[in-house]
Amino acid sequence: MVRKGRTADVSYRVHRFDIDMEKDASRLEAFLNGLSGEVVAIIPHIKKTTLAQIYGVTRKVDFLLVVERA
């Protein structure tokens, strides 16, 4: 599908970024600033392993999927 003003050869890259939300904010910032393309989406993967996490009391983000338009 070709839209007006865009080329048909748009490609995307998906990066997996393992993260500890409490201490990796600066590492995530450096990673995002180092990408050459435009960041289209950041999708968190939330792992529910304990009973409290299953009922939504706490959550732990294991990794992020970062979608980059090349």
Protein backbone atom coordinates (compact mmCIF):
# COMPACT_ATOMS: atom_id res chain seq x y z
CA MET A 1 0.00 0.00 0.00
CA VAL A 2 1.44 3.34 -1.01
CA ARG A 3 0.22 6.47 0.69
CA LYS A 4 0.65 9.96 -0.64
CA GLY A 5 3.97 11.39 0.47
CA ARG A 6 5.47 8.04 1.53
CA THR A 7 7.60 5.52 -0.29
CA ALA A 8 6.66 1.86 -0.48
CA ASP A 9 10.01 0.61 0.88
CA VAL A 10 9.52 1.53 4.54
CA SER A 11 11.10 -1.01 6.84
CA TYR A 12 10.88 -1.51 10.57
CA ARG A 13 13.25 -2.95 13.15
CA VAL A 14 12.17 -4.39 16.49
CA HIS A 15 14.64 -4.23 19.36
CA ARG A 16 14.32 -6.08 22.65
CA PHE A 17 15.54 -4.01 25.61
CA ASP A 18 15.87 -5.89 28.93
CA ILE A 19 15.16 -3.46 31.75
CA ASP A 20 14.98 -3.01 35.49
CA MET A 21 12.55 -0.09 35.74
CA GLU A 22 14.08 1.30 38.93
CA LYS A 23 17.67 1.66 37.74
CA ASP A 24 17.84 1.56 33.94
CA ALA A 25 16.24 4.89 32.97
CA SER A 26 19.53 6.47 31.85
CA ARG A 27 20.50 3.30 29.94
CA LEU A 28 17.12 3.39 28.13
CA GLU A 29 17.60 7.08 27.31
CA ALA A 30 21.05 6.40 25.84
CA PHE A 31 19.66 3.48 23.81
CA LEU A 32 16.80 5.55 22.37
CA ASN A 33 19.09 8.48 21.53
CA GLY A 34 21.46 6.09 19.77
CA LEU A 35 18.85 4.79 17.33
CA SER A 36 19.18 6.08 13.78
CA GLY A 37 15.50 5.83 12.81
CA GLU A 38 12.25 7.12 14.25
CA VAL A 39 10.81 5.31 17.28
CA VAL A 40 7.27 4.28 16.35
CA ALA A 41 6.26 2.37 19.49
CA ILE A 42 7.54 1.14 22.83
CA ILE A 43 5.70 -1.95 24.05
CA PRO A 44 6.28 -3.18 27.62
CA HIS A 45 6.18 -6.90 28.41
CA ILE A 46 4.72 -7.32 31.88
CA LYS A 47 5.41 -10.64 33.52
CA LYS A 48 2.88 -11.74 36.11
CA THR A 49 4.45 -14.33 38.36
CA THR A 50 3.20 -13.72 41.89
CA LEU A 51 -0.36 -13.69 43.16
CA ALA A 52 -0.16 -9.94 43.82
CA GLN A 53 0.96 -9.34 40.22
CA ILE A 54 -1.83 -11.54 38.85
CA TYR A 55 -4.45 -9.47 40.71
CA GLY A 56 -2.84 -6.22 39.54
CA VAL A 57 -1.47 -4.98 42.85
CA THR A 58 2.11 -4.84 41.54
CA ARG A 59 3.64 -5.23 38.11
CA LYS A 60 7.12 -5.94 36.83
CA VAL A 61 8.25 -4.96 33.36
CA ASP A 62 10.70 -7.60 32.13
CA PHE A 63 11.61 -6.04 28.82
CA LEU A 64 10.53 -3.48 26.25
CA LEU A 65 10.02 -3.99 22.56
CA VAL A 66 11.12 -0.86 20.72
CA VAL A 67 9.81 -0.52 17.15
CA GLU A 68 11.99 1.67 14.95
CA ARG A 69 11.16 2.91 11.46
CA ALA A 70 14.37 2.62 9.46
